[in-house]
N, C-alpha and C. Protein backbone atom coordinates (compact mmCIF):
# COMPACT_ATOMS: atom_id res chain seq x y z
N UNK A 1 0.85 -1.17 0.00
CA UNK A 1 0.00 0.00 0.00
C UNK A 1 0.89 1.24 0.00
N UNK A 2 0.67 2.16 -0.92
CA UNK A 2 1.43 3.40 -0.90
C UNK A 2 0.57 4.52 -0.34
N UNK A 3 1.15 5.71 -0.21
CA UNK A 3 0.46 6.82 0.44
C UNK A 3 -0.83 7.21 -0.27
N UNK A 4 -0.91 7.04 -1.58
CA UNK A 4 -2.12 7.41 -2.30
C UNK A 4 -3.24 6.39 -2.11
N UNK A 5 -2.90 5.21 -1.59
CA UNK A 5 -3.90 4.17 -1.36
C UNK A 5 -4.38 4.12 0.08
N UNK A 6 -3.90 4.99 0.91
CA UNK A 6 -4.27 4.98 2.31
C UNK A 6 -5.71 5.39 2.50
N UNK A 7 -6.36 4.82 3.50
CA UNK A 7 -7.73 5.26 3.80
C UNK A 7 -7.72 6.69 4.32
N UNK A 8 -8.83 7.39 4.21
CA UNK A 8 -8.88 8.77 4.72
C UNK A 8 -8.57 8.82 6.21
N UNK A 9 -8.05 9.93 6.65
CA UNK A 9 -7.72 10.10 8.06
C UNK A 9 -9.01 10.39 8.83
N UNK A 10 -9.36 9.54 9.79
CA UNK A 10 -10.57 9.79 10.55
C UNK A 10 -10.37 10.88 11.59
N UNK A 11 -11.39 11.62 11.88
CA UNK A 11 -11.33 12.64 12.92
C UNK A 11 -11.15 14.03 12.37
N UNK A 12 -11.23 15.00 13.26
CA UNK A 12 -11.14 16.41 12.85
C UNK A 12 -9.71 16.84 12.55
N UNK A 13 -9.58 17.95 11.87
CA UNK A 13 -8.27 18.55 11.58
C UNK A 13 -7.77 19.28 12.82
N UNK A 14 -6.51 19.10 13.13
CA UNK A 14 -5.89 19.73 14.30
C UNK A 14 -5.37 21.12 13.93
N UNK A 15 -5.17 21.93 14.93
CA UNK A 15 -4.47 23.21 14.79
C UNK A 15 -3.22 23.12 15.65
N UNK A 16 -2.07 23.44 15.05
CA UNK A 16 -0.80 23.31 15.75
C UNK A 16 -0.06 24.64 15.79
N UNK A 17 0.78 24.79 16.78
CA UNK A 17 1.75 25.89 16.85
C UNK A 17 3.10 25.23 16.59
N UNK A 18 3.73 25.59 15.46
CA UNK A 18 4.97 24.95 15.04
C UNK A 18 6.17 25.66 15.65
N UNK A 19 6.96 24.93 16.40
CA UNK A 19 8.17 25.47 17.00
C UNK A 19 9.40 24.83 16.40
N UNK A 20 10.55 25.19 16.93
CA UNK A 20 11.82 24.64 16.45
C UNK A 20 11.99 23.23 17.02
N UNK A 21 11.84 22.22 16.16
CA UNK A 21 12.04 20.84 16.56
C UNK A 21 10.85 20.19 17.24
N UNK A 22 9.76 20.93 17.44
CA UNK A 22 8.57 20.37 18.06
C UNK A 22 7.36 21.21 17.70
N UNK A 23 6.21 20.65 17.93
CA UNK A 23 4.98 21.41 17.74
C UNK A 23 4.07 21.23 18.94
N UNK A 24 3.18 22.20 19.13
CA UNK A 24 2.24 22.17 20.24
C UNK A 24 0.84 22.11 19.67
N UNK A 25 0.01 21.25 20.21
CA UNK A 25 -1.37 21.11 19.75
C UNK A 25 -2.20 22.23 20.38
N UNK A 26 -2.78 23.07 19.52
CA UNK A 26 -3.63 24.16 19.96
C UNK A 26 -5.08 23.68 20.00
N UNK A 27 -5.49 22.98 18.94
CA UNK A 27 -6.82 22.36 18.88
C UNK A 27 -6.62 20.91 18.50
N UNK A 28 -7.02 19.98 19.37
CA UNK A 28 -6.80 18.56 19.09
C UNK A 28 -7.47 18.10 17.80
N UNK A 29 -6.85 17.13 17.18
CA UNK A 29 -7.37 16.53 15.97
C UNK A 29 -6.47 15.39 15.55
N UNK A 30 -6.83 14.76 14.45
CA UNK A 30 -6.10 13.58 13.97
C UNK A 30 -5.03 13.91 12.94
N UNK A 31 -5.16 15.06 12.28
CA UNK A 31 -4.27 15.38 11.18
C UNK A 31 -4.19 16.88 10.95
N UNK A 32 -3.21 17.29 10.13
CA UNK A 32 -3.12 18.64 9.58
C UNK A 32 -3.00 18.50 8.07
N UNK A 33 -3.15 19.58 7.35
CA UNK A 33 -3.05 19.55 5.89
C UNK A 33 -1.72 20.14 5.43
N UNK A 34 -1.17 19.53 4.39
CA UNK A 34 0.05 20.06 3.77
C UNK A 34 -0.29 21.40 3.12
N UNK A 35 0.51 22.41 3.40
CA UNK A 35 0.27 23.75 2.87
C UNK A 35 0.47 23.80 1.35
N UNK A 36 1.19 22.86 0.78
CA UNK A 36 1.47 22.86 -0.66
C UNK A 36 0.50 21.97 -1.42
N UNK A 37 0.29 20.75 -0.94
CA UNK A 37 -0.52 19.78 -1.68
C UNK A 37 -1.94 19.64 -1.17
N UNK A 38 -2.19 20.07 0.07
CA UNK A 38 -3.50 19.89 0.66
C UNK A 38 -3.73 18.50 1.21
N UNK A 39 -2.75 17.63 1.09
CA UNK A 39 -2.88 16.25 1.56
C UNK A 39 -2.94 16.22 3.08
N UNK A 40 -3.78 15.35 3.65
CA UNK A 40 -3.80 15.22 5.11
C UNK A 40 -2.54 14.51 5.59
N UNK A 41 -2.04 14.98 6.73
CA UNK A 41 -0.84 14.40 7.34
C UNK A 41 -1.22 14.01 8.77
N UNK A 42 -1.14 12.73 9.07
CA UNK A 42 -1.41 12.28 10.44
C UNK A 42 -0.38 12.91 11.38
N UNK A 43 -0.82 13.33 12.55
CA UNK A 43 0.11 13.99 13.47
C UNK A 43 1.32 13.13 13.79
N UNK A 44 1.12 11.83 13.91
CA UNK A 44 2.25 10.95 14.23
C UNK A 44 3.23 10.80 13.06
N UNK A 45 2.82 11.25 11.87
CA UNK A 45 3.70 11.17 10.70
C UNK A 45 4.25 12.54 10.29
N UNK A 46 3.89 13.58 10.99
CA UNK A 46 4.33 14.94 10.66
C UNK A 46 5.82 15.10 10.95
N UNK A 47 6.60 15.43 9.93
CA UNK A 47 8.05 15.58 10.08
C UNK A 47 8.56 16.93 9.57
N UNK A 48 7.79 17.61 8.72
CA UNK A 48 8.27 18.82 8.06
C UNK A 48 7.28 19.96 8.28
N UNK A 49 7.81 21.11 8.74
CA UNK A 49 6.98 22.30 8.90
C UNK A 49 7.85 23.54 8.92
N UNK A 50 7.19 24.69 8.81
CA UNK A 50 7.89 25.97 8.86
C UNK A 50 7.46 26.72 10.11
N UNK A 51 8.43 27.10 10.92
CA UNK A 51 8.16 27.91 12.10
C UNK A 51 7.74 29.31 11.65
N UNK A 52 8.44 29.87 10.66
CA UNK A 52 8.15 31.23 10.19
C UNK A 52 6.75 31.35 9.58
N UNK A 53 6.38 30.38 8.76
CA UNK A 53 5.09 30.44 8.06
C UNK A 53 3.99 29.68 8.79
N UNK A 54 4.35 28.94 9.84
CA UNK A 54 3.38 28.15 10.60
C UNK A 54 2.56 27.25 9.68
N UNK A 55 3.30 26.46 8.86
CA UNK A 55 2.70 25.55 7.88
C UNK A 55 3.32 24.18 7.99
N UNK A 56 2.51 23.17 7.67
CA UNK A 56 2.99 21.79 7.64
C UNK A 56 3.21 21.37 6.19
N UNK A 57 4.13 20.40 5.99
CA UNK A 57 4.43 19.89 4.65
C UNK A 57 4.46 18.36 4.69
N UNK A 58 3.96 17.75 3.63
CA UNK A 58 3.86 16.30 3.56
C UNK A 58 5.18 15.62 3.24
N UNK A 59 6.14 16.36 2.64
CA UNK A 59 7.39 15.74 2.21
C UNK A 59 8.46 16.80 2.02
N UNK A 60 9.72 16.36 1.90
CA UNK A 60 10.79 17.31 1.59
C UNK A 60 10.56 18.01 0.24
N UNK A 61 9.96 17.29 -0.70
CA UNK A 61 9.67 17.90 -2.02
C UNK A 61 8.66 19.03 -1.88
N UNK A 62 7.70 18.88 -0.99
CA UNK A 62 6.72 19.94 -0.76
C UNK A 62 7.39 21.16 -0.14
N UNK A 63 8.35 20.93 0.75
CA UNK A 63 9.10 22.04 1.35
C UNK A 63 9.85 22.79 0.26
N UNK A 64 10.55 22.07 -0.61
CA UNK A 64 11.31 22.71 -1.69
C UNK A 64 10.40 23.51 -2.62
N UNK A 65 9.25 22.96 -2.96
CA UNK A 65 8.30 23.67 -3.82
C UNK A 65 7.83 24.96 -3.15
N UNK A 66 7.55 24.91 -1.87
CA UNK A 66 7.12 26.11 -1.12
C UNK A 66 8.22 27.15 -1.13
N UNK A 67 9.46 26.72 -0.90
CA UNK A 67 10.58 27.66 -0.91
C UNK A 67 10.79 28.29 -2.28
N UNK A 68 10.66 27.50 -3.34
CA UNK A 68 10.79 28.04 -4.70
C UNK A 68 9.70 29.05 -4.98
N UNK A 69 8.48 28.74 -4.59
CA UNK A 69 7.36 29.67 -4.81
C UNK A 69 7.55 30.98 -4.06
N UNK A 70 8.23 30.92 -2.91
CA UNK A 70 8.48 32.11 -2.11
C UNK A 70 9.75 32.83 -2.54
N UNK A 71 10.47 32.27 -3.53
CA UNK A 71 11.70 32.89 -4.01
C UNK A 71 12.88 32.69 -3.08
N UNK A 72 12.83 31.65 -2.26
CA UNK A 72 13.90 31.39 -1.30
C UNK A 72 14.78 30.22 -1.68
N UNK A 73 14.48 29.55 -2.77
CA UNK A 73 15.30 28.39 -3.15
C UNK A 73 15.94 28.60 -4.50
């Protein structure tokens, strides 16, 4: 099973405060959305985010795309 074949994430969307090396749950939920792709990311699988933009990313490729769009890459 690959990521595109996964069942939908059950439960509400969480709100997080992204810090350096950790995040804090502001509103509990099961997932957040990738700021680039819109894909749901389970909180236990969240590895990439921006402290400055307070956004989550599904993959390193999504981070690079966001940086290119912002003129930082």
